[in-house]
Amino acid sequence: MNVTLQRIERRGNTVTGSLTVSNGGFRIRFACATLERADRLILAGTYALKWTRSPKFSRAATIKKGFPMDIYTPEILGVASRSGLRIHVANYTRQLEGCIAPGYSFTDLDKDGTIDIAESTKAYDALVDCLLTGGLRDSAEGFRITIRDPRK
């Protein structure tokens, strides 16, 4: 599986992009929009993408539900001097600390003048379904994600 994030535009502290998953060649299995925080961007490059337990989201779910829970998300590994970088649900850049939020459209959800991403949960669920049916959970080596800066 090939996972590609193509950054499109930077506006202030917001970076918009598109994420595609293909199984080689030109057959796209999944596509969505992405939102990132400009001051915490992952450098363009190719990285390992694995299905791992998120300590942060597991802790939050445990507190919310009142019993221990393990939450797994796609984690981007091998980024120099950085860790805990994930693809996860978020609507606003203030919810991102270097991670990538999937969604289906850009809008100003909270009317603060900053671009947000809508339908993040729906896009995330579809992305995870695509990655897991493609073998991400069972793959010892995981997949690769290629992150590209805007075309000039």
N, C-alpha and C. Protein backbone atom coordinates (compact mmCIF):
# COMPACT_ATOMS: atom_id res chain seq x y z
N MET A 1 0.84 -1.18 0.00
CA MET A 1 0.00 0.00 0.00
C MET A 1 0.88 1.24 0.00
N ASN A 2 0.55 2.19 -0.82
CA ASN A 2 1.24 3.46 -0.86
C ASN A 2 0.35 4.53 -0.25
N VAL A 3 0.84 5.20 0.77
CA VAL A 3 0.12 6.30 1.41
C VAL A 3 0.89 7.58 1.08
N THR A 4 0.20 8.56 0.52
CA THR A 4 0.85 9.80 0.12
C THR A 4 0.08 11.00 0.65
N LEU A 5 0.78 11.91 1.30
CA LEU A 5 0.21 13.18 1.71
C LEU A 5 0.85 14.26 0.85
N GLN A 6 0.04 14.94 0.06
CA GLN A 6 0.50 16.05 -0.78
C GLN A 6 0.02 17.35 -0.14
N ARG A 7 0.96 18.11 0.39
CA ARG A 7 0.58 19.41 0.95
C ARG A 7 0.21 20.35 -0.19
N ILE A 8 -0.82 21.16 0.05
CA ILE A 8 -1.32 22.03 -1.01
C ILE A 8 -1.03 23.49 -0.75
N GLU A 9 -1.37 23.96 0.45
CA GLU A 9 -1.26 25.39 0.70
C GLU A 9 -1.07 25.67 2.18
N ARG A 10 -0.29 26.73 2.44
CA ARG A 10 -0.12 27.21 3.81
C ARG A 10 -0.81 28.55 3.94
N ARG A 11 -1.64 28.67 4.97
CA ARG A 11 -2.29 29.94 5.30
C ARG A 11 -2.11 30.17 6.79
N GLY A 12 -1.26 31.13 7.14
CA GLY A 12 -0.97 31.36 8.55
C GLY A 12 -0.34 30.12 9.15
N ASN A 13 -0.95 29.59 10.22
CA ASN A 13 -0.41 28.41 10.88
C ASN A 13 -1.14 27.13 10.45
N THR A 14 -1.85 27.19 9.33
CA THR A 14 -2.60 26.05 8.83
C THR A 14 -2.03 25.59 7.49
N VAL A 15 -1.86 24.28 7.35
CA VAL A 15 -1.43 23.70 6.08
C VAL A 15 -2.50 22.71 5.63
N THR A 16 -3.02 22.92 4.42
CA THR A 16 -4.01 22.01 3.87
C THR A 16 -3.31 21.05 2.92
N GLY A 17 -3.92 19.89 2.74
CA GLY A 17 -3.34 18.90 1.84
C GLY A 17 -4.35 17.85 1.45
N SER A 18 -3.85 16.83 0.76
CA SER A 18 -4.69 15.69 0.40
C SER A 18 -3.90 14.42 0.68
N LEU A 19 -4.61 13.40 1.11
CA LEU A 19 -3.99 12.11 1.43
C LEU A 19 -4.64 11.05 0.56
N THR A 20 -3.83 10.23 -0.08
CA THR A 20 -4.35 9.13 -0.88
C THR A 20 -3.70 7.82 -0.46
N VAL A 21 -4.45 6.76 -0.60
CA VAL A 21 -3.95 5.41 -0.37
C VAL A 21 -4.17 4.64 -1.66
N SER A 22 -3.11 4.06 -2.20
CA SER A 22 -3.22 3.26 -3.42
C SER A 22 -2.48 1.95 -3.21
N ASN A 23 -2.82 0.98 -4.03
CA ASN A 23 -2.11 -0.30 -3.92
C ASN A 23 -1.19 -0.49 -5.11
N GLY A 24 -0.45 0.56 -5.39
CA GLY A 24 0.49 0.52 -6.50
C GLY A 24 -0.16 1.03 -7.77
N GLY A 25 0.64 1.49 -8.66
CA GLY A 25 0.08 2.00 -9.91
C GLY A 25 -0.78 3.22 -9.66
N PHE A 26 -1.89 3.28 -10.38
CA PHE A 26 -2.75 4.45 -10.31
C PHE A 26 -4.10 4.17 -9.66
N ARG A 27 -4.28 3.00 -9.08
CA ARG A 27 -5.56 2.65 -8.46
C ARG A 27 -5.63 3.22 -7.04
N ILE A 28 -6.45 4.25 -6.87
CA ILE A 28 -6.61 4.89 -5.56
C ILE A 28 -7.74 4.19 -4.80
N ARG A 29 -7.41 3.72 -3.60
CA ARG A 29 -8.39 3.03 -2.76
C ARG A 29 -9.09 3.99 -1.80
N PHE A 30 -8.43 5.12 -1.48
CA PHE A 30 -9.00 6.06 -0.53
C PHE A 30 -8.38 7.43 -0.79
N ALA A 31 -9.18 8.49 -0.58
CA ALA A 31 -8.66 9.86 -0.69
C ALA A 31 -9.43 10.75 0.27
N CYS A 32 -8.72 11.71 0.86
CA CYS A 32 -9.36 12.69 1.73
C CYS A 32 -8.51 13.95 1.79
N ALA A 33 -9.04 14.97 2.43
CA ALA A 33 -8.30 16.21 2.69
C ALA A 33 -7.52 16.03 4.00
N THR A 34 -6.51 16.88 4.22
CA THR A 34 -5.76 16.84 5.48
C THR A 34 -5.53 18.25 6.01
N LEU A 35 -5.33 18.32 7.31
CA LEU A 35 -5.02 19.56 8.00
C LEU A 35 -3.81 19.32 8.89
N GLU A 36 -2.86 20.27 8.86
CA GLU A 36 -1.68 20.20 9.73
C GLU A 36 -1.40 21.58 10.29
N ARG A 37 -0.63 21.62 11.38
CA ARG A 37 -0.17 22.87 11.97
C ARG A 37 1.17 23.23 11.37
N ALA A 38 1.28 24.43 10.79
CA ALA A 38 2.49 24.83 10.07
C ALA A 38 3.73 24.86 10.96
N ASP A 39 3.58 25.22 12.23
CA ASP A 39 4.75 25.33 13.11
C ASP A 39 5.19 23.98 13.69
N ARG A 40 4.51 22.90 13.31
CA ARG A 40 4.86 21.57 13.81
C ARG A 40 4.91 20.53 12.69
N LEU A 41 5.16 20.96 11.48
CA LEU A 41 5.13 20.06 10.32
C LEU A 41 6.19 18.97 10.40
N ILE A 42 5.82 17.81 9.92
CA ILE A 42 6.77 16.73 9.69
C ILE A 42 7.52 17.09 8.41
N LEU A 43 8.83 16.97 8.40
CA LEU A 43 9.59 17.26 7.19
C LEU A 43 9.15 16.35 6.05
N ALA A 44 9.13 16.91 4.84
CA ALA A 44 8.80 16.10 3.67
C ALA A 44 9.77 14.92 3.59
N GLY A 45 9.26 13.77 3.21
CA GLY A 45 10.07 12.57 3.12
C GLY A 45 9.21 11.33 3.16
N THR A 46 9.84 10.17 3.24
CA THR A 46 9.14 8.90 3.32
C THR A 46 9.45 8.26 4.67
N TYR A 47 8.39 7.82 5.35
CA TYR A 47 8.51 7.30 6.71
C TYR A 47 7.73 6.00 6.86
N ALA A 48 8.05 5.27 7.92
CA ALA A 48 7.29 4.08 8.26
C ALA A 48 5.94 4.51 8.84
N LEU A 49 4.90 3.73 8.55
CA LEU A 49 3.56 3.96 9.08
C LEU A 49 3.09 2.66 9.70
N LYS A 50 2.90 2.66 11.01
CA LYS A 50 2.51 1.43 11.72
C LYS A 50 1.29 1.67 12.59
N TRP A 51 0.59 0.60 12.87
CA TRP A 51 -0.59 0.59 13.72
C TRP A 51 -0.11 0.36 15.15
N THR A 52 -0.11 1.41 15.99
CA THR A 52 0.43 1.29 17.34
C THR A 52 -0.52 1.88 18.38
N ARG A 53 -0.32 1.46 19.61
CA ARG A 53 -1.12 1.96 20.73
C ARG A 53 -0.71 3.40 21.02
N SER A 54 -1.70 4.27 21.17
CA SER A 54 -1.44 5.66 21.51
C SER A 54 -1.61 5.86 23.01
N PRO A 55 -0.51 6.14 23.73
CA PRO A 55 -0.64 6.37 25.17
C PRO A 55 -1.59 7.54 25.48
N LYS A 56 -1.51 8.61 24.70
CA LYS A 56 -2.34 9.80 24.95
C LYS A 56 -3.83 9.49 24.76
N PHE A 57 -4.18 8.87 23.64
CA PHE A 57 -5.59 8.60 23.38
C PHE A 57 -6.11 7.46 24.26
N SER A 58 -5.27 6.50 24.62
CA SER A 58 -5.67 5.43 25.53
C SER A 58 -5.99 6.00 26.91
N ARG A 59 -5.15 6.91 27.37
CA ARG A 59 -5.36 7.55 28.67
C ARG A 59 -6.66 8.35 28.67
N ALA A 60 -6.88 9.14 27.62
CA ALA A 60 -8.10 9.95 27.52
C ALA A 60 -9.34 9.08 27.47
N ALA A 61 -9.31 7.98 26.72
CA ALA A 61 -10.46 7.08 26.62
C ALA A 61 -10.72 6.39 27.95
N THR A 62 -9.66 6.02 28.66
CA THR A 62 -9.81 5.38 29.97
C THR A 62 -10.49 6.33 30.95
N ILE A 63 -10.07 7.58 30.96
CA ILE A 63 -10.68 8.57 31.86
C ILE A 63 -12.15 8.78 31.48
N LYS A 64 -12.43 8.91 30.20
CA LYS A 64 -13.79 9.17 29.73
C LYS A 64 -14.72 7.99 30.03
N LYS A 65 -14.27 6.77 29.77
CA LYS A 65 -15.11 5.58 29.93
C LYS A 65 -15.11 5.04 31.36
N GLY A 66 -14.05 5.34 32.12
CA GLY A 66 -13.99 4.87 33.50
C GLY A 66 -13.42 3.47 33.65
N PHE A 67 -12.88 2.91 32.59
CA PHE A 67 -12.21 1.61 32.65
C PHE A 67 -11.09 1.61 31.61
N PRO A 68 -10.08 0.76 31.80
CA PRO A 68 -8.91 0.77 30.92
C PRO A 68 -9.28 0.49 29.46
N MET A 69 -8.73 1.29 28.57
CA MET A 69 -8.94 1.10 27.13
C MET A 69 -7.62 1.31 26.40
N ASP A 70 -7.40 0.54 25.37
CA ASP A 70 -6.25 0.72 24.49
C ASP A 70 -6.75 1.26 23.16
N ILE A 71 -6.23 2.41 22.75
CA ILE A 71 -6.61 3.03 21.49
C ILE A 71 -5.41 2.96 20.55
N TYR A 72 -5.62 2.43 19.38
CA TYR A 72 -4.57 2.30 18.37
C TYR A 72 -4.85 3.27 17.22
N THR A 73 -3.79 3.86 16.68
CA THR A 73 -3.90 4.77 15.54
C THR A 73 -2.68 4.54 14.64
N PRO A 74 -2.75 5.01 13.39
CA PRO A 74 -1.56 4.95 12.54
C PRO A 74 -0.50 5.93 13.07
N GLU A 75 0.71 5.42 13.32
CA GLU A 75 1.81 6.25 13.82
C GLU A 75 2.88 6.38 12.75
N ILE A 76 3.38 7.59 12.59
CA ILE A 76 4.44 7.89 11.62
C ILE A 76 5.76 7.79 12.38
N LEU A 77 6.61 6.86 11.95
CA LEU A 77 7.86 6.56 12.65
C LEU A 77 9.07 6.94 11.82
N GLY A 78 10.16 7.23 12.52
CA GLY A 78 11.42 7.51 11.83
C GLY A 78 11.64 8.97 11.51
N VAL A 79 10.84 9.85 12.09
CA VAL A 79 11.02 11.29 11.89
C VAL A 79 12.10 11.75 12.87
N ALA A 80 13.15 12.37 12.36
CA ALA A 80 14.29 12.77 13.20
C ALA A 80 13.85 13.64 14.38
N SER A 81 14.31 13.27 15.57
CA SER A 81 14.09 14.02 16.82
C SER A 81 12.62 14.22 17.17
N ARG A 82 11.73 13.37 16.65
CA ARG A 82 10.30 13.50 16.93
C ARG A 82 9.70 12.12 17.20
N SER A 83 8.65 12.08 18.00
CA SER A 83 7.95 10.82 18.26
C SER A 83 6.48 11.13 18.55
N GLY A 84 5.67 10.09 18.54
CA GLY A 84 4.25 10.26 18.83
C GLY A 84 3.46 10.94 17.73
N LEU A 85 3.98 10.92 16.51
CA LEU A 85 3.31 11.58 15.38
C LEU A 85 2.30 10.62 14.78
N ARG A 86 1.05 11.04 14.73
CA ARG A 86 -0.04 10.15 14.33
C ARG A 86 -0.98 10.79 13.33
N ILE A 87 -1.76 9.95 12.70
CA ILE A 87 -2.92 10.40 11.94
C ILE A 87 -4.10 10.15 12.86
N HIS A 88 -4.84 11.21 13.19
CA HIS A 88 -5.96 11.05 14.12
C HIS A 88 -7.05 12.08 13.85
N VAL A 89 -8.20 11.87 14.47
CA VAL A 89 -9.34 12.77 14.34
C VAL A 89 -9.01 14.11 14.99
N ALA A 90 -9.29 15.19 14.28
CA ALA A 90 -9.18 16.56 14.80
C ALA A 90 -9.90 17.47 13.81
N ASN A 91 -10.46 18.54 14.30
CA ASN A 91 -11.11 19.52 13.43
C ASN A 91 -10.33 20.83 13.34
N TYR A 92 -9.50 21.10 14.34
CA TYR A 92 -8.83 22.40 14.46
C TYR A 92 -7.32 22.20 14.59
N THR A 93 -6.53 23.16 14.09
CA THR A 93 -5.08 23.05 14.21
C THR A 93 -4.65 23.05 15.68
N ARG A 94 -5.41 23.68 16.55
CA ARG A 94 -5.04 23.69 17.98
C ARG A 94 -5.10 22.29 18.61
N GLN A 95 -5.72 21.34 17.91
CA GLN A 95 -5.78 19.95 18.39
C GLN A 95 -4.61 19.11 17.87
N LEU A 96 -3.72 19.73 17.12
CA LEU A 96 -2.62 19.00 16.49
C LEU A 96 -1.29 19.45 17.05
N GLU A 97 -0.43 18.48 17.37
CA GLU A 97 0.90 18.77 17.89
C GLU A 97 1.96 18.12 16.99
N GLY A 98 1.76 18.26 15.68
CA GLY A 98 2.67 17.63 14.73
C GLY A 98 2.01 16.50 13.98
N CYS A 99 0.77 16.19 14.35
CA CYS A 99 0.04 15.09 13.73
C CYS A 99 -0.74 15.57 12.50
N ILE A 100 -1.42 14.64 11.86
CA ILE A 100 -2.18 14.91 10.65
C ILE A 100 -3.64 14.58 10.90
N ALA A 101 -4.53 15.51 10.57
CA ALA A 101 -5.97 15.29 10.71
C ALA A 101 -6.59 15.07 9.34
N PRO A 102 -7.27 13.94 9.14
CA PRO A 102 -8.00 13.73 7.89
C PRO A 102 -9.39 14.36 7.95
N GLY A 103 -9.98 14.62 6.82
CA GLY A 103 -11.34 15.14 6.75
C GLY A 103 -11.79 15.15 5.31
N TYR A 104 -12.99 15.68 5.08
CA TYR A 104 -13.50 15.70 3.71
C TYR A 104 -13.66 17.09 3.13
N SER A 105 -13.62 18.13 3.95
CA SER A 105 -13.73 19.48 3.39
C SER A 105 -13.13 20.50 4.36
N PHE A 106 -12.74 21.64 3.80
CA PHE A 106 -12.18 22.73 4.60
C PHE A 106 -13.26 23.78 4.81
N THR A 107 -13.34 24.27 6.03
CA THR A 107 -14.31 25.31 6.38
C THR A 107 -13.86 25.96 7.68
N ASP A 108 -14.46 27.06 8.03
CA ASP A 108 -14.17 27.72 9.30
C ASP A 108 -15.25 27.30 10.30
N LEU A 109 -15.07 26.15 10.92
CA LEU A 109 -16.10 25.57 11.79
C LEU A 109 -16.46 26.47 12.98
N ASP A 110 -15.46 27.07 13.60
CA ASP A 110 -15.72 27.87 14.81
C ASP A 110 -15.72 29.38 14.55
N LYS A 111 -15.72 29.76 13.28
CA LYS A 111 -15.84 31.17 12.86
C LYS A 111 -14.76 32.07 13.48
N ASP A 112 -13.52 31.54 13.57
CA ASP A 112 -12.42 32.34 14.13
C ASP A 112 -11.48 32.87 13.04
N GLY A 113 -11.84 32.67 11.77
CA GLY A 113 -11.03 33.15 10.67
C GLY A 113 -9.93 32.19 10.24
N THR A 114 -9.85 31.02 10.85
CA THR A 114 -8.84 30.01 10.53
C THR A 114 -9.51 28.81 9.86
N ILE A 115 -8.86 28.27 8.85
CA ILE A 115 -9.41 27.10 8.17
C ILE A 115 -9.36 25.89 9.09
N ASP A 116 -10.49 25.18 9.15
CA ASP A 116 -10.61 23.94 9.90
C ASP A 116 -10.94 22.82 8.92
N ILE A 117 -11.03 21.59 9.43
CA ILE A 117 -11.37 20.46 8.56
C ILE A 117 -12.64 19.81 9.09
N ALA A 118 -13.58 19.53 8.19
CA ALA A 118 -14.88 18.96 8.57
C ALA A 118 -14.90 17.46 8.29
N GLU A 119 -15.76 16.77 8.99
CA GLU A 119 -15.99 15.33 8.84
C GLU A 119 -14.73 14.51 9.10
N SER A 120 -13.98 14.92 10.12
CA SER A 120 -12.73 14.24 10.43
C SER A 120 -12.97 12.81 10.90
N THR A 121 -13.96 12.60 11.74
CA THR A 121 -14.23 11.24 12.24
C THR A 121 -14.62 10.32 11.09
N LYS A 122 -15.47 10.79 10.21
CA LYS A 122 -15.91 9.99 9.06
C LYS A 122 -14.72 9.64 8.15
N ALA A 123 -13.87 10.61 7.86
CA ALA A 123 -12.69 10.36 7.02
C ALA A 123 -11.70 9.43 7.71
N TYR A 124 -11.47 9.65 9.00
CA TYR A 124 -10.54 8.81 9.77
C TYR A 124 -11.02 7.35 9.77
N ASP A 125 -12.31 7.15 10.04
CA ASP A 125 -12.84 5.79 10.07
C ASP A 125 -12.67 5.10 8.71
N ALA A 126 -12.93 5.82 7.62
CA ALA A 126 -12.77 5.25 6.28
C ALA A 126 -11.30 4.96 5.99
N LEU A 127 -10.40 5.85 6.40
CA LEU A 127 -8.96 5.64 6.21
C LEU A 127 -8.49 4.41 6.97
N VAL A 128 -8.87 4.30 8.23
CA VAL A 128 -8.47 3.16 9.05
C VAL A 128 -9.00 1.86 8.44
N ASP A 129 -10.24 1.88 7.99
CA ASP A 129 -10.81 0.68 7.35
C ASP A 129 -9.97 0.29 6.14
N CYS A 130 -9.60 1.26 5.32
CA CYS A 130 -8.78 1.00 4.13
C CYS A 130 -7.41 0.44 4.52
N LEU A 131 -6.76 1.05 5.51
CA LEU A 131 -5.44 0.59 5.93
C LEU A 131 -5.48 -0.80 6.57
N LEU A 132 -6.49 -1.05 7.40
CA LEU A 132 -6.56 -2.34 8.08
C LEU A 132 -6.94 -3.46 7.12
N THR A 133 -7.86 -3.20 6.19
CA THR A 133 -8.19 -4.24 5.21
C THR A 133 -7.02 -4.46 4.25
N GLY A 134 -6.15 -3.47 4.14
CA GLY A 134 -4.94 -3.61 3.32
C GLY A 134 -3.81 -4.31 4.05
N GLY A 135 -3.99 -4.62 5.34
CA GLY A 135 -3.00 -5.40 6.07
C GLY A 135 -2.14 -4.65 7.06
N LEU A 136 -2.45 -3.38 7.37
CA LEU A 136 -1.58 -2.60 8.26
C LEU A 136 -1.43 -3.24 9.64
N ARG A 137 -2.52 -3.72 10.25
CA ARG A 137 -2.44 -4.28 11.60
C ARG A 137 -1.55 -5.51 11.64
N ASP A 138 -1.60 -6.34 10.60
CA ASP A 138 -0.88 -7.61 10.60
C ASP A 138 0.50 -7.54 9.98
N SER A 139 0.85 -6.42 9.41
CA SER A 139 2.13 -6.28 8.72
C SER A 139 3.25 -5.97 9.70
N ALA A 140 4.24 -6.83 9.76
CA ALA A 140 5.36 -6.61 10.68
C ALA A 140 6.13 -5.35 10.33
N GLU A 141 6.27 -5.09 9.03
CA GLU A 141 7.03 -3.91 8.61
C GLU A 141 6.15 -2.68 8.44
N GLY A 142 4.81 -2.84 8.48
CA GLY A 142 3.92 -1.70 8.31
C GLY A 142 3.92 -1.22 6.86
N PHE A 143 3.48 -0.01 6.67
CA PHE A 143 3.43 0.61 5.35
C PHE A 143 4.41 1.77 5.35
N ARG A 144 4.45 2.50 4.25
CA ARG A 144 5.25 3.71 4.15
C ARG A 144 4.31 4.86 3.83
N ILE A 145 4.62 6.03 4.36
CA ILE A 145 3.90 7.24 4.01
C ILE A 145 4.90 8.22 3.41
N THR A 146 4.55 8.78 2.28
CA THR A 146 5.38 9.79 1.64
C THR A 146 4.68 11.13 1.81
N ILE A 147 5.40 12.10 2.38
CA ILE A 147 4.87 13.43 2.60
C ILE A 147 5.59 14.37 1.64
N ARG A 148 4.80 15.11 0.86
CA ARG A 148 5.37 16.01 -0.14
C ARG A 148 4.94 17.44 0.13
N ASP A 149 5.88 18.35 -0.02
CA ASP A 149 5.57 19.77 0.14
C ASP A 149 4.83 20.27 -1.10
N PRO A 150 4.21 21.46 -1.00
CA PRO A 150 3.44 21.99 -2.13
C PRO A 150 4.29 22.06 -3.40
N ARG A 151 3.64 21.80 -4.50
CA ARG A 151 4.32 21.93 -5.80
C ARG A 151 4.50 23.40 -6.09
N LYS A 152 5.65 23.74 -6.65
CA LYS A 152 5.93 25.15 -6.94
C LYS A 152 5.77 25.44 -8.40
